[in-house]
Amino acid sequence: MEQAGRMEGLSARLPVAGVPEGVREAVVVAAPLDGAVVGFGGCMAMLAASGARLRVVLPGAGPGFHGAVPREVLAFLGAPGAELEWLEEPGCDEAVRRLSLLVNGADLCAAPWCGDRGTAVGSARWAALMACSLRLRPPLVEYWVPGHCAAPHGCGEPWPRASRVALPPGAERLKRRALDAGRFADPGPGRTGGASPAERLGSREILFV
């Protein structure tokens, strides 16, 4: 509850930013998919509406492991044509090599922020950071998912480089439909004071750039 209140007040004071303009292709590292929808779903909806090509990278071995759920969720975000890629063992060198190929030619890469490389989310973020650094582009933005961190005062989030994206009603509506379609669980049960991460973010998303 203490962290939720603190983050709520802090996020309201962050500078407002929009989805970068001129993005023709974006790679979204979703580790896992529910975190990407909570933290970046509205931005994904806006990118899809602008005609950008979306490539969504999921942890796992391949389509047979995930079934049809990712396709359904992305369709509710207004991105039925998004390309799905699977990344096995995101913390390994092979994952960095594969991601570096996927981001080559993209205008934007988004990955979850996490300061702990020992977790699945943190290793995926590290792989994205390395892949973008190796290619010297595209720029990496990190989206924040409340509830992934159990520390009462946060996990060292880089708030000085944070901004908030105010979602237009259409993008917010698509995001909520995708969340309902996925029936995603709260990644931080018992830490949110009864509110889900999406409810606490409301009509905004927080990016570290």
N, C-alpha and C. Protein backbone atom coordinates (compact mmCIF):
# COMPACT_ATOMS: atom_id res chain seq x y z
N MET A 1 0.83 -1.20 0.00
CA MET A 1 0.00 0.00 0.00
C MET A 1 0.86 1.25 0.00
N GLU A 2 1.95 1.23 0.81
CA GLU A 2 2.83 2.40 0.90
C GLU A 2 3.48 2.68 -0.45
N GLN A 3 3.99 1.62 -1.11
CA GLN A 3 4.61 1.82 -2.41
C GLN A 3 3.60 2.31 -3.42
N ALA A 4 2.39 1.74 -3.40
CA ALA A 4 1.36 2.14 -4.36
C ALA A 4 1.05 3.63 -4.25
N GLY A 5 0.88 4.13 -3.00
CA GLY A 5 0.59 5.54 -2.81
C GLY A 5 1.73 6.43 -3.24
N ARG A 6 2.94 6.01 -2.93
CA ARG A 6 4.12 6.80 -3.29
C ARG A 6 4.24 6.89 -4.80
N MET A 7 4.10 5.76 -5.48
CA MET A 7 4.24 5.76 -6.94
C MET A 7 3.11 6.54 -7.61
N GLU A 8 1.92 6.47 -7.03
CA GLU A 8 0.79 7.21 -7.59
C GLU A 8 1.08 8.70 -7.57
N GLY A 9 1.58 9.20 -6.43
CA GLY A 9 1.88 10.62 -6.34
C GLY A 9 3.03 11.03 -7.23
N LEU A 10 4.06 10.19 -7.31
CA LEU A 10 5.22 10.50 -8.12
C LEU A 10 4.87 10.53 -9.61
N SER A 11 4.11 9.54 -10.07
CA SER A 11 3.81 9.46 -11.50
C SER A 11 2.98 10.66 -11.96
N ALA A 12 2.16 11.22 -11.07
CA ALA A 12 1.34 12.36 -11.45
C ALA A 12 2.20 13.60 -11.72
N ARG A 13 3.43 13.63 -11.18
CA ARG A 13 4.30 14.79 -11.37
C ARG A 13 5.30 14.62 -12.51
N LEU A 14 5.29 13.47 -13.16
CA LEU A 14 6.26 13.22 -14.23
C LEU A 14 5.93 14.06 -15.46
N PRO A 15 6.95 14.43 -16.22
CA PRO A 15 6.69 15.16 -17.47
C PRO A 15 5.90 14.29 -18.44
N VAL A 16 5.05 14.94 -19.22
CA VAL A 16 4.21 14.22 -20.17
C VAL A 16 4.95 14.07 -21.49
N ALA A 17 4.90 12.89 -22.05
CA ALA A 17 5.52 12.62 -23.34
C ALA A 17 4.53 11.85 -24.20
N GLY A 18 4.79 11.79 -25.48
CA GLY A 18 3.95 11.01 -26.38
C GLY A 18 4.72 9.84 -26.95
N VAL A 19 4.04 8.99 -27.67
CA VAL A 19 4.73 7.93 -28.39
C VAL A 19 5.61 8.57 -29.45
N PRO A 20 6.87 8.16 -29.56
CA PRO A 20 7.76 8.79 -30.56
C PRO A 20 7.14 8.80 -31.95
N GLU A 21 7.29 9.92 -32.63
CA GLU A 21 6.71 10.05 -33.97
C GLU A 21 7.63 9.42 -35.01
N GLY A 22 7.04 9.06 -36.12
CA GLY A 22 7.81 8.52 -37.22
C GLY A 22 8.26 7.09 -37.06
N VAL A 23 7.65 6.36 -36.11
CA VAL A 23 8.02 4.95 -35.90
C VAL A 23 7.32 4.10 -36.94
N ARG A 24 8.10 3.49 -37.81
CA ARG A 24 7.54 2.61 -38.83
C ARG A 24 7.60 1.15 -38.41
N GLU A 25 8.54 0.82 -37.54
CA GLU A 25 8.68 -0.55 -37.05
C GLU A 25 9.14 -0.52 -35.60
N ALA A 26 8.46 -1.28 -34.76
CA ALA A 26 8.80 -1.33 -33.34
C ALA A 26 8.87 -2.78 -32.88
N VAL A 27 9.85 -3.05 -32.03
CA VAL A 27 10.00 -4.36 -31.41
C VAL A 27 9.64 -4.22 -29.94
N VAL A 28 8.71 -5.03 -29.47
CA VAL A 28 8.28 -4.99 -28.08
C VAL A 28 8.67 -6.30 -27.41
N VAL A 29 9.57 -6.21 -26.44
CA VAL A 29 9.97 -7.38 -25.67
C VAL A 29 8.96 -7.54 -24.54
N ALA A 30 8.21 -8.62 -24.60
CA ALA A 30 7.13 -8.85 -23.63
C ALA A 30 7.53 -10.00 -22.72
N ALA A 31 7.92 -9.68 -21.52
CA ALA A 31 8.38 -10.72 -20.60
C ALA A 31 7.77 -10.50 -19.22
N PRO A 32 6.55 -11.01 -19.02
CA PRO A 32 5.71 -11.77 -19.94
C PRO A 32 4.73 -10.85 -20.68
N LEU A 33 3.77 -11.47 -21.38
CA LEU A 33 2.83 -10.68 -22.19
C LEU A 33 1.95 -9.80 -21.32
N ASP A 34 1.53 -10.28 -20.15
CA ASP A 34 0.66 -9.46 -19.31
C ASP A 34 1.37 -8.18 -18.89
N GLY A 35 2.68 -8.27 -18.58
CA GLY A 35 3.42 -7.08 -18.22
C GLY A 35 3.48 -6.08 -19.35
N ALA A 36 3.65 -6.57 -20.59
CA ALA A 36 3.71 -5.68 -21.74
C ALA A 36 2.38 -4.98 -21.96
N VAL A 37 1.27 -5.68 -21.76
CA VAL A 37 -0.04 -5.06 -21.95
C VAL A 37 -0.30 -4.03 -20.86
N VAL A 38 0.05 -4.37 -19.61
CA VAL A 38 -0.16 -3.42 -18.51
C VAL A 38 0.72 -2.18 -18.68
N GLY A 39 1.99 -2.38 -19.00
CA GLY A 39 2.93 -1.27 -19.04
C GLY A 39 3.07 -0.56 -20.37
N PHE A 40 2.69 -1.23 -21.48
CA PHE A 40 2.93 -0.65 -22.79
C PHE A 40 1.78 -0.89 -23.76
N GLY A 41 0.69 -1.46 -23.27
CA GLY A 41 -0.42 -1.81 -24.15
C GLY A 41 -1.04 -0.63 -24.86
N GLY A 42 -1.21 0.48 -24.15
CA GLY A 42 -1.77 1.66 -24.79
C GLY A 42 -0.86 2.21 -25.88
N CYS A 43 0.44 2.20 -25.63
CA CYS A 43 1.39 2.64 -26.65
C CYS A 43 1.39 1.70 -27.84
N MET A 44 1.25 0.40 -27.59
CA MET A 44 1.17 -0.56 -28.69
C MET A 44 -0.07 -0.29 -29.54
N ALA A 45 -1.18 0.02 -28.88
CA ALA A 45 -2.41 0.32 -29.62
C ALA A 45 -2.22 1.57 -30.49
N MET A 46 -1.56 2.59 -29.95
CA MET A 46 -1.32 3.80 -30.72
C MET A 46 -0.36 3.57 -31.88
N LEU A 47 0.68 2.76 -31.64
CA LEU A 47 1.61 2.45 -32.73
C LEU A 47 0.91 1.68 -33.84
N ALA A 48 0.07 0.71 -33.45
CA ALA A 48 -0.67 -0.07 -34.45
C ALA A 48 -1.60 0.83 -35.25
N ALA A 49 -2.26 1.77 -34.56
CA ALA A 49 -3.19 2.68 -35.24
C ALA A 49 -2.46 3.59 -36.22
N SER A 50 -1.19 3.88 -35.94
CA SER A 50 -0.42 4.75 -36.83
C SER A 50 0.11 4.01 -38.06
N GLY A 51 -0.08 2.69 -38.08
CA GLY A 51 0.39 1.89 -39.21
C GLY A 51 1.77 1.30 -39.02
N ALA A 52 2.34 1.42 -37.80
CA ALA A 52 3.67 0.87 -37.56
C ALA A 52 3.64 -0.66 -37.56
N ARG A 53 4.69 -1.25 -38.03
CA ARG A 53 4.86 -2.70 -37.98
C ARG A 53 5.29 -3.08 -36.57
N LEU A 54 4.57 -4.00 -35.94
CA LEU A 54 4.88 -4.42 -34.58
C LEU A 54 5.42 -5.84 -34.59
N ARG A 55 6.51 -6.03 -33.87
CA ARG A 55 7.07 -7.36 -33.66
C ARG A 55 7.13 -7.57 -32.17
N VAL A 56 6.40 -8.56 -31.68
CA VAL A 56 6.29 -8.81 -30.24
C VAL A 56 7.10 -10.06 -29.90
N VAL A 57 8.07 -9.90 -29.01
CA VAL A 57 8.97 -10.98 -28.63
C VAL A 57 8.51 -11.56 -27.30
N LEU A 58 8.21 -12.85 -27.30
CA LEU A 58 7.69 -13.53 -26.12
C LEU A 58 8.70 -14.56 -25.61
N PRO A 59 8.76 -14.77 -24.31
CA PRO A 59 9.63 -15.82 -23.79
C PRO A 59 9.01 -17.18 -24.06
N GLY A 60 9.84 -18.16 -24.36
CA GLY A 60 9.33 -19.50 -24.62
C GLY A 60 9.98 -20.10 -25.85
N ALA A 61 9.59 -21.35 -26.13
CA ALA A 61 10.25 -22.11 -27.19
C ALA A 61 9.58 -21.96 -28.55
N GLY A 62 8.28 -21.57 -28.60
CA GLY A 62 7.63 -21.48 -29.90
C GLY A 62 6.13 -21.42 -29.77
N PRO A 63 5.43 -21.28 -30.90
CA PRO A 63 3.98 -21.08 -30.89
C PRO A 63 3.21 -22.19 -30.19
N GLY A 64 3.70 -23.42 -30.29
CA GLY A 64 2.98 -24.52 -29.67
C GLY A 64 2.86 -24.38 -28.16
N PHE A 65 3.80 -23.70 -27.56
CA PHE A 65 3.80 -23.53 -26.11
C PHE A 65 2.76 -22.50 -25.67
N HIS A 66 2.52 -21.49 -26.51
CA HIS A 66 1.66 -20.38 -26.12
C HIS A 66 0.22 -20.52 -26.59
N GLY A 67 -0.02 -21.31 -27.64
CA GLY A 67 -1.37 -21.40 -28.16
C GLY A 67 -1.81 -20.11 -28.84
N ALA A 68 -3.10 -19.86 -28.85
CA ALA A 68 -3.65 -18.73 -29.60
C ALA A 68 -3.83 -17.48 -28.75
N VAL A 69 -3.56 -17.56 -27.45
CA VAL A 69 -3.86 -16.42 -26.57
C VAL A 69 -3.13 -15.14 -26.99
N PRO A 70 -1.82 -15.16 -27.27
CA PRO A 70 -1.17 -13.90 -27.67
C PRO A 70 -1.82 -13.25 -28.87
N ARG A 71 -2.21 -14.03 -29.88
CA ARG A 71 -2.88 -13.48 -31.05
C ARG A 71 -4.18 -12.79 -30.66
N GLU A 72 -4.94 -13.43 -29.78
CA GLU A 72 -6.21 -12.86 -29.36
C GLU A 72 -6.00 -11.55 -28.62
N VAL A 73 -5.05 -11.52 -27.73
CA VAL A 73 -4.79 -10.31 -26.94
C VAL A 73 -4.33 -9.18 -27.85
N LEU A 74 -3.43 -9.46 -28.78
CA LEU A 74 -2.94 -8.43 -29.69
C LEU A 74 -4.04 -7.92 -30.60
N ALA A 75 -4.96 -8.81 -30.98
CA ALA A 75 -6.10 -8.37 -31.80
C ALA A 75 -6.96 -7.38 -31.03
N PHE A 76 -7.15 -7.61 -29.75
CA PHE A 76 -7.92 -6.67 -28.93
C PHE A 76 -7.20 -5.34 -28.79
N LEU A 77 -5.88 -5.33 -28.92
CA LEU A 77 -5.12 -4.08 -28.88
C LEU A 77 -5.17 -3.35 -30.22
N GLY A 78 -5.84 -3.94 -31.19
CA GLY A 78 -5.90 -3.32 -32.51
C GLY A 78 -4.70 -3.67 -33.36
N ALA A 79 -3.98 -4.74 -32.99
CA ALA A 79 -2.78 -5.13 -33.72
C ALA A 79 -2.85 -6.60 -34.12
N PRO A 80 -3.89 -6.99 -34.88
CA PRO A 80 -4.00 -8.41 -35.26
C PRO A 80 -2.88 -8.87 -36.17
N GLY A 81 -2.24 -7.93 -36.87
CA GLY A 81 -1.17 -8.30 -37.78
C GLY A 81 0.21 -8.27 -37.15
N ALA A 82 0.29 -8.06 -35.84
CA ALA A 82 1.60 -8.03 -35.17
C ALA A 82 2.30 -9.38 -35.34
N GLU A 83 3.60 -9.32 -35.56
CA GLU A 83 4.39 -10.54 -35.74
C GLU A 83 4.87 -11.03 -34.38
N LEU A 84 4.76 -12.33 -34.18
CA LEU A 84 5.19 -12.93 -32.92
C LEU A 84 6.53 -13.63 -33.11
N GLU A 85 7.43 -13.39 -32.17
CA GLU A 85 8.71 -14.07 -32.14
C GLU A 85 8.89 -14.66 -30.74
N TRP A 86 9.58 -15.79 -30.66
CA TRP A 86 9.79 -16.43 -29.37
C TRP A 86 11.27 -16.45 -29.02
N LEU A 87 11.55 -16.15 -27.77
CA LEU A 87 12.93 -16.03 -27.31
C LEU A 87 13.14 -17.01 -26.16
N GLU A 88 13.87 -18.07 -26.43
CA GLU A 88 14.13 -19.06 -25.41
C GLU A 88 15.33 -18.63 -24.57
N GLU A 89 15.21 -18.75 -23.24
CA GLU A 89 16.29 -18.39 -22.31
C GLU A 89 16.80 -16.98 -22.59
N PRO A 90 16.01 -15.96 -22.26
CA PRO A 90 16.38 -14.59 -22.60
C PRO A 90 17.66 -14.08 -21.96
N GLY A 91 18.20 -14.78 -20.96
CA GLY A 91 19.42 -14.30 -20.32
C GLY A 91 20.70 -14.75 -20.97
N CYS A 92 20.63 -15.54 -22.04
CA CYS A 92 21.85 -16.11 -22.62
C CYS A 92 22.35 -15.28 -23.80
N ASP A 93 23.58 -15.56 -24.22
CA ASP A 93 24.19 -14.83 -25.34
C ASP A 93 23.42 -15.05 -26.63
N GLU A 94 22.86 -16.23 -26.82
CA GLU A 94 22.11 -16.51 -28.03
C GLU A 94 20.89 -15.60 -28.12
N ALA A 95 20.27 -15.32 -26.98
CA ALA A 95 19.11 -14.42 -26.97
C ALA A 95 19.52 -13.01 -27.41
N VAL A 96 20.68 -12.56 -26.95
CA VAL A 96 21.17 -11.24 -27.36
C VAL A 96 21.42 -11.22 -28.87
N ARG A 97 22.02 -12.28 -29.38
CA ARG A 97 22.28 -12.34 -30.81
C ARG A 97 20.98 -12.31 -31.61
N ARG A 98 20.00 -13.10 -31.16
CA ARG A 98 18.73 -13.15 -31.89
C ARG A 98 18.01 -11.80 -31.82
N LEU A 99 18.01 -11.19 -30.63
CA LEU A 99 17.36 -9.89 -30.50
C LEU A 99 18.05 -8.83 -31.34
N SER A 100 19.37 -8.90 -31.43
CA SER A 100 20.08 -7.91 -32.23
C SER A 100 19.68 -7.99 -33.69
N LEU A 101 19.34 -9.19 -34.16
CA LEU A 101 18.84 -9.35 -35.53
C LEU A 101 17.42 -8.82 -35.65
N LEU A 102 16.62 -9.05 -34.63
CA LEU A 102 15.22 -8.61 -34.69
C LEU A 102 15.11 -7.09 -34.66
N VAL A 103 15.98 -6.42 -33.89
CA VAL A 103 15.86 -4.96 -33.78
C VAL A 103 16.55 -4.23 -34.93
N ASN A 104 17.35 -4.97 -35.71
CA ASN A 104 18.04 -4.34 -36.83
C ASN A 104 17.02 -3.78 -37.82
N GLY A 105 17.07 -2.48 -38.06
CA GLY A 105 16.14 -1.84 -38.97
C GLY A 105 14.91 -1.27 -38.30
N ALA A 106 14.69 -1.59 -37.01
CA ALA A 106 13.53 -1.05 -36.30
C ALA A 106 13.82 0.39 -35.87
N ASP A 107 12.76 1.13 -35.62
CA ASP A 107 12.89 2.52 -35.17
C ASP A 107 12.78 2.65 -33.66
N LEU A 108 12.30 1.58 -33.01
CA LEU A 108 12.07 1.65 -31.57
C LEU A 108 12.06 0.23 -31.00
N CYS A 109 12.63 0.10 -29.81
CA CYS A 109 12.53 -1.16 -29.07
C CYS A 109 12.04 -0.84 -27.67
N ALA A 110 11.05 -1.58 -27.20
CA ALA A 110 10.51 -1.39 -25.85
C ALA A 110 10.71 -2.68 -25.07
N ALA A 111 11.14 -2.53 -23.82
CA ALA A 111 11.38 -3.69 -22.96
C ALA A 111 10.96 -3.32 -21.54
N PRO A 112 10.63 -4.31 -20.71
CA PRO A 112 10.25 -4.01 -19.33
C PRO A 112 11.45 -3.53 -18.54
N TRP A 113 11.23 -2.53 -17.66
CA TRP A 113 12.31 -2.13 -16.78
C TRP A 113 12.38 -3.09 -15.61
N CYS A 114 13.59 -3.53 -15.29
CA CYS A 114 13.80 -4.36 -14.10
C CYS A 114 15.27 -4.28 -13.76
N GLY A 115 15.57 -3.99 -12.51
CA GLY A 115 16.95 -3.85 -12.09
C GLY A 115 17.61 -5.14 -11.66
N ASP A 116 16.88 -6.26 -11.67
CA ASP A 116 17.41 -7.53 -11.19
C ASP A 116 17.59 -8.49 -12.36
N ARG A 117 18.81 -8.62 -12.83
CA ARG A 117 19.08 -9.47 -13.98
C ARG A 117 18.85 -10.95 -13.67
N GLY A 118 18.77 -11.29 -12.40
CA GLY A 118 18.56 -12.68 -12.01
C GLY A 118 17.13 -13.16 -12.21
N THR A 119 16.22 -12.25 -12.51
CA THR A 119 14.83 -12.64 -12.77
C THR A 119 14.59 -12.77 -14.27
N ALA A 120 13.48 -13.40 -14.63
CA ALA A 120 13.14 -13.56 -16.05
C ALA A 120 12.94 -12.20 -16.71
N VAL A 121 12.26 -11.28 -16.00
CA VAL A 121 12.02 -9.95 -16.56
C VAL A 121 13.34 -9.20 -16.71
N GLY A 122 14.18 -9.28 -15.68
CA GLY A 122 15.46 -8.59 -15.72
C GLY A 122 16.38 -9.10 -16.81
N SER A 123 16.39 -10.41 -17.04
CA SER A 123 17.26 -10.97 -18.07
C SER A 123 16.77 -10.57 -19.46
N ALA A 124 15.44 -10.48 -19.63
CA ALA A 124 14.89 -10.04 -20.92
C ALA A 124 15.25 -8.58 -21.18
N ARG A 125 15.16 -7.77 -20.13
CA ARG A 125 15.53 -6.35 -20.27
C ARG A 125 17.01 -6.21 -20.61
N TRP A 126 17.86 -7.01 -19.96
CA TRP A 126 19.29 -6.95 -20.23
C TRP A 126 19.58 -7.35 -21.67
N ALA A 127 18.92 -8.39 -22.17
CA ALA A 127 19.14 -8.83 -23.55
C ALA A 127 18.75 -7.72 -24.53
N ALA A 128 17.62 -7.04 -24.26
CA ALA A 128 17.20 -5.95 -25.13
C ALA A 128 18.19 -4.79 -25.08
N LEU A 129 18.68 -4.48 -23.88
CA LEU A 129 19.65 -3.39 -23.73
C LEU A 129 20.92 -3.69 -24.51
N MET A 130 21.42 -4.92 -24.39
CA MET A 130 22.63 -5.30 -25.10
C MET A 130 22.40 -5.31 -26.61
N ALA A 131 21.26 -5.83 -27.05
CA ALA A 131 20.98 -5.90 -28.49
C ALA A 131 20.93 -4.51 -29.11
N CYS A 132 20.29 -3.58 -28.42
CA CYS A 132 20.20 -2.21 -28.96
C CYS A 132 21.56 -1.52 -28.92
N SER A 133 22.36 -1.82 -27.92
CA SER A 133 23.69 -1.21 -27.82
C SER A 133 24.59 -1.74 -28.92
N LEU A 134 24.48 -3.04 -29.22
CA LEU A 134 25.31 -3.63 -30.25
C LEU A 134 25.03 -3.03 -31.62
N ARG A 135 23.76 -2.74 -31.88
CA ARG A 135 23.37 -2.21 -33.18
C ARG A 135 23.41 -0.68 -33.21
N LEU A 136 23.66 -0.07 -32.08
CA LEU A 136 23.68 1.39 -31.95
C LEU A 136 22.33 2.02 -32.26
N ARG A 137 21.33 1.22 -32.46
CA ARG A 137 19.96 1.64 -32.67
C ARG A 137 19.12 0.37 -32.67
N PRO A 138 17.89 0.38 -32.49
CA PRO A 138 17.05 1.56 -32.29
C PRO A 138 17.14 2.03 -30.85
N PRO A 139 16.60 3.21 -30.55
CA PRO A 139 16.55 3.63 -29.15
C PRO A 139 15.71 2.67 -28.33
N LEU A 140 16.14 2.42 -27.12
CA LEU A 140 15.41 1.54 -26.21
C LEU A 140 14.61 2.36 -25.22
N VAL A 141 13.33 2.08 -25.10
CA VAL A 141 12.52 2.65 -24.03
C VAL A 141 12.11 1.50 -23.12
N GLU A 142 12.05 1.78 -21.83
CA GLU A 142 11.70 0.75 -20.86
C GLU A 142 10.38 1.12 -20.20
N TYR A 143 9.44 0.21 -20.24
CA TYR A 143 8.13 0.48 -19.65
C TYR A 143 8.08 -0.10 -18.23
N TRP A 144 7.34 0.61 -17.38
CA TRP A 144 7.25 0.24 -15.97
C TRP A 144 5.97 -0.54 -15.71
N VAL A 145 6.11 -1.66 -15.00
CA VAL A 145 4.95 -2.47 -14.62
C VAL A 145 4.87 -2.50 -13.10
N PRO A 146 3.92 -1.78 -12.50
CA PRO A 146 3.80 -1.82 -11.04
C PRO A 146 3.43 -3.21 -10.58
N GLY A 147 3.99 -3.60 -9.43
CA GLY A 147 3.68 -4.92 -8.89
C GLY A 147 4.77 -5.94 -9.14
N HIS A 148 5.71 -5.67 -10.06
CA HIS A 148 6.79 -6.61 -10.31
C HIS A 148 7.83 -6.56 -9.20
N CYS A 149 7.82 -5.51 -8.41
CA CYS A 149 8.82 -5.33 -7.37
C CYS A 149 8.16 -5.43 -6.00
N ALA A 150 8.76 -6.23 -5.11
CA ALA A 150 8.17 -6.43 -3.78
C ALA A 150 8.71 -5.45 -2.74
N ALA A 151 9.77 -4.70 -3.07
CA ALA A 151 10.36 -3.79 -2.08
C ALA A 151 9.39 -2.66 -1.76
N PRO A 152 9.21 -2.32 -0.47
CA PRO A 152 8.22 -1.30 -0.10
C PRO A 152 8.51 0.08 -0.65
N HIS A 153 9.77 0.39 -0.93
CA HIS A 153 10.12 1.72 -1.43
C HIS A 153 10.60 1.67 -2.88
N GLY A 154 10.22 0.63 -3.61
CA GLY A 154 10.63 0.52 -5.00
C GLY A 154 11.95 -0.23 -5.13
N CYS A 155 12.39 -0.44 -6.36
CA CYS A 155 13.59 -1.22 -6.64
C CYS A 155 14.63 -0.38 -7.37
N GLY A 156 14.75 0.87 -7.01
CA GLY A 156 15.75 1.72 -7.64
C GLY A 156 15.39 2.16 -9.03
N GLU A 157 14.10 2.32 -9.29
CA GLU A 157 13.66 2.78 -10.61
C GLU A 157 14.32 4.11 -10.97
N PRO A 158 14.74 4.28 -12.22
CA PRO A 158 15.43 5.52 -12.63
C PRO A 158 14.44 6.65 -12.89
N TRP A 159 13.80 7.14 -11.83
CA TRP A 159 12.75 8.15 -12.00
C TRP A 159 13.22 9.44 -12.66
N PRO A 160 14.51 9.86 -12.54
CA PRO A 160 14.92 11.09 -13.23
C PRO A 160 14.77 11.02 -14.75
N ARG A 161 14.75 9.83 -15.34
CA ARG A 161 14.55 9.74 -16.78
C ARG A 161 13.18 9.16 -17.14
N ALA A 162 12.23 9.33 -16.24
CA ALA A 162 10.88 8.82 -16.48
C ALA A 162 9.97 9.88 -17.08
N SER A 163 9.03 9.44 -17.85
CA SER A 163 7.98 10.31 -18.38
C SER A 163 6.70 9.50 -18.44
N ARG A 164 5.57 10.20 -18.53
CA ARG A 164 4.29 9.48 -18.60
C ARG A 164 3.61 9.80 -19.92
N VAL A 165 3.03 8.76 -20.48
CA VAL A 165 2.27 8.90 -21.72
C VAL A 165 0.80 8.89 -21.36
N ALA A 166 0.11 9.98 -21.67
CA ALA A 166 -1.32 10.06 -21.43
C ALA A 166 -2.04 9.36 -22.57
N LEU A 167 -2.79 8.32 -22.26
CA LEU A 167 -3.45 7.53 -23.29
C LEU A 167 -4.74 8.20 -23.74
N PRO A 168 -4.95 8.34 -25.04
CA PRO A 168 -6.25 8.83 -25.51
C PRO A 168 -7.32 7.79 -25.22
N PRO A 169 -8.59 8.20 -25.17
CA PRO A 169 -9.66 7.26 -24.80
C PRO A 169 -9.69 5.99 -25.64
N GLY A 170 -9.43 6.11 -26.93
CA GLY A 170 -9.47 4.93 -27.79
C GLY A 170 -8.42 3.91 -27.42
N ALA A 171 -7.18 4.36 -27.16
CA ALA A 171 -6.10 3.46 -26.79
C ALA A 171 -6.34 2.84 -25.42
N GLU A 172 -6.86 3.64 -24.50
CA GLU A 172 -7.16 3.12 -23.17
C GLU A 172 -8.25 2.04 -23.25
N ARG A 173 -9.25 2.26 -24.08
CA ARG A 173 -10.33 1.28 -24.22
C ARG A 173 -9.81 -0.03 -24.81
N LEU A 174 -8.95 0.05 -25.82
CA LEU A 174 -8.39 -1.16 -26.41
C LEU A 174 -7.52 -1.91 -25.40
N LYS A 175 -6.77 -1.16 -24.63
CA LYS A 175 -5.91 -1.80 -23.63
C LYS A 175 -6.74 -2.56 -22.60
N ARG A 176 -7.82 -1.96 -22.13
CA ARG A 176 -8.66 -2.64 -21.14
C ARG A 176 -9.33 -3.87 -21.74
N ARG A 177 -9.69 -3.80 -23.01
CA ARG A 177 -10.28 -4.97 -23.67
C ARG A 177 -9.25 -6.10 -23.75
N ALA A 178 -8.00 -5.75 -24.06
CA ALA A 178 -6.95 -6.77 -24.14
C ALA A 178 -6.69 -7.39 -22.78
N LEU A 179 -6.70 -6.57 -21.73
CA LEU A 179 -6.50 -7.10 -20.38
C LEU A 179 -7.62 -8.05 -20.00
N ASP A 180 -8.85 -7.68 -20.34
CA ASP A 180 -9.98 -8.55 -20.05
C ASP A 180 -9.90 -9.84 -20.85
N ALA A 181 -9.48 -9.75 -22.11
CA ALA A 181 -9.39 -10.93 -22.96
C ALA A 181 -8.33 -11.90 -22.45
N GLY A 182 -7.22 -11.36 -21.94
CA GLY A 182 -6.15 -12.21 -21.45
C GLY A 182 -6.39 -12.74 -20.06
N ARG A 183 -7.33 -12.11 -19.33
CA ARG A 183 -7.61 -12.50 -17.94
C ARG A 183 -6.31 -12.58 -17.13
N PHE A 184 -5.52 -11.52 -17.25
CA PHE A 184 -4.21 -11.53 -16.62
C PHE A 184 -4.33 -11.36 -15.11
N ALA A 185 -3.48 -12.09 -14.42
CA ALA A 185 -3.43 -11.97 -12.97
C ALA A 185 -2.54 -10.80 -12.58
N ASP A 186 -2.77 -10.28 -11.38
CA ASP A 186 -1.93 -9.22 -10.84
C ASP A 186 -0.54 -9.79 -10.57
N PRO A 187 0.55 -9.21 -11.17
CA PRO A 187 1.89 -9.74 -10.92
C PRO A 187 2.37 -9.51 -9.50
N GLY A 188 1.68 -8.69 -8.74
CA GLY A 188 2.10 -8.45 -7.37
C GLY A 188 0.96 -8.62 -6.39
N PRO A 189 0.38 -9.83 -6.25
CA PRO A 189 -0.77 -10.01 -5.37
C PRO A 189 -0.45 -9.63 -3.94
N GLY A 190 -1.39 -8.91 -3.34
CA GLY A 190 -1.20 -8.53 -1.95
C GLY A 190 -0.40 -7.27 -1.76
N ARG A 191 0.10 -6.67 -2.85
CA ARG A 191 0.95 -5.48 -2.71
C ARG A 191 0.28 -4.23 -3.25
N THR A 192 -0.92 -4.34 -3.76
CA THR A 192 -1.50 -3.21 -4.46
C THR A 192 -2.65 -2.57 -3.74
N GLY A 193 -2.98 -3.02 -2.54
CA GLY A 193 -4.09 -2.43 -1.82
C GLY A 193 -5.42 -2.68 -2.50
N GLY A 194 -5.53 -3.81 -3.22
CA GLY A 194 -6.79 -4.17 -3.85
C GLY A 194 -6.92 -3.71 -5.28
N ALA A 195 -6.03 -2.86 -5.76
CA ALA A 195 -6.10 -2.37 -7.14
C ALA A 195 -5.12 -3.14 -8.01
N SER A 196 -5.52 -3.44 -9.23
CA SER A 196 -4.63 -4.12 -10.16
C SER A 196 -3.61 -3.11 -10.68
N PRO A 197 -2.47 -3.59 -11.26
CA PRO A 197 -1.50 -2.68 -11.83
C PRO A 197 -2.12 -1.77 -12.89
N ALA A 198 -2.97 -2.33 -13.74
CA ALA A 198 -3.59 -1.51 -14.78
C ALA A 198 -4.46 -0.42 -14.18
N GLU A 199 -5.20 -0.74 -13.12
CA GLU A 199 -6.06 0.26 -12.49
C GLU A 199 -5.23 1.36 -11.85
N ARG A 200 -4.07 1.01 -11.29
CA ARG A 200 -3.24 2.03 -10.66
C ARG A 200 -2.57 2.94 -11.69
N LEU A 201 -2.26 2.40 -12.85
CA LEU A 201 -1.71 3.25 -13.91
C LEU A 201 -2.81 4.10 -14.55
N GLY A 202 -4.04 3.56 -14.58
CA GLY A 202 -5.15 4.31 -15.14
C GLY A 202 -4.94 4.61 -16.61
N SER A 203 -5.13 5.86 -16.97
CA SER A 203 -5.06 6.25 -18.39
C SER A 203 -3.67 6.75 -18.78
N ARG A 204 -2.64 6.23 -18.14
CA ARG A 204 -1.28 6.65 -18.47
C ARG A 204 -0.36 5.44 -18.40
N GLU A 205 0.78 5.57 -19.05
CA GLU A 205 1.84 4.57 -18.97
C GLU A 205 3.14 5.29 -18.71
N ILE A 206 4.04 4.65 -17.97
CA ILE A 206 5.27 5.29 -17.55
C ILE A 206 6.44 4.64 -18.28
N LEU A 207 7.24 5.48 -18.94
CA LEU A 207 8.39 5.02 -19.70
C LEU A 207 9.66 5.63 -19.15
N PHE A 208 10.73 4.84 -19.16
CA PHE A 208 12.07 5.34 -18.85
C PHE A 208 12.84 5.43 -20.17
N VAL A 209 13.27 6.64 -20.50
CA VAL A 209 13.92 6.86 -21.79
C VAL A 209 15.32 7.44 -21.61
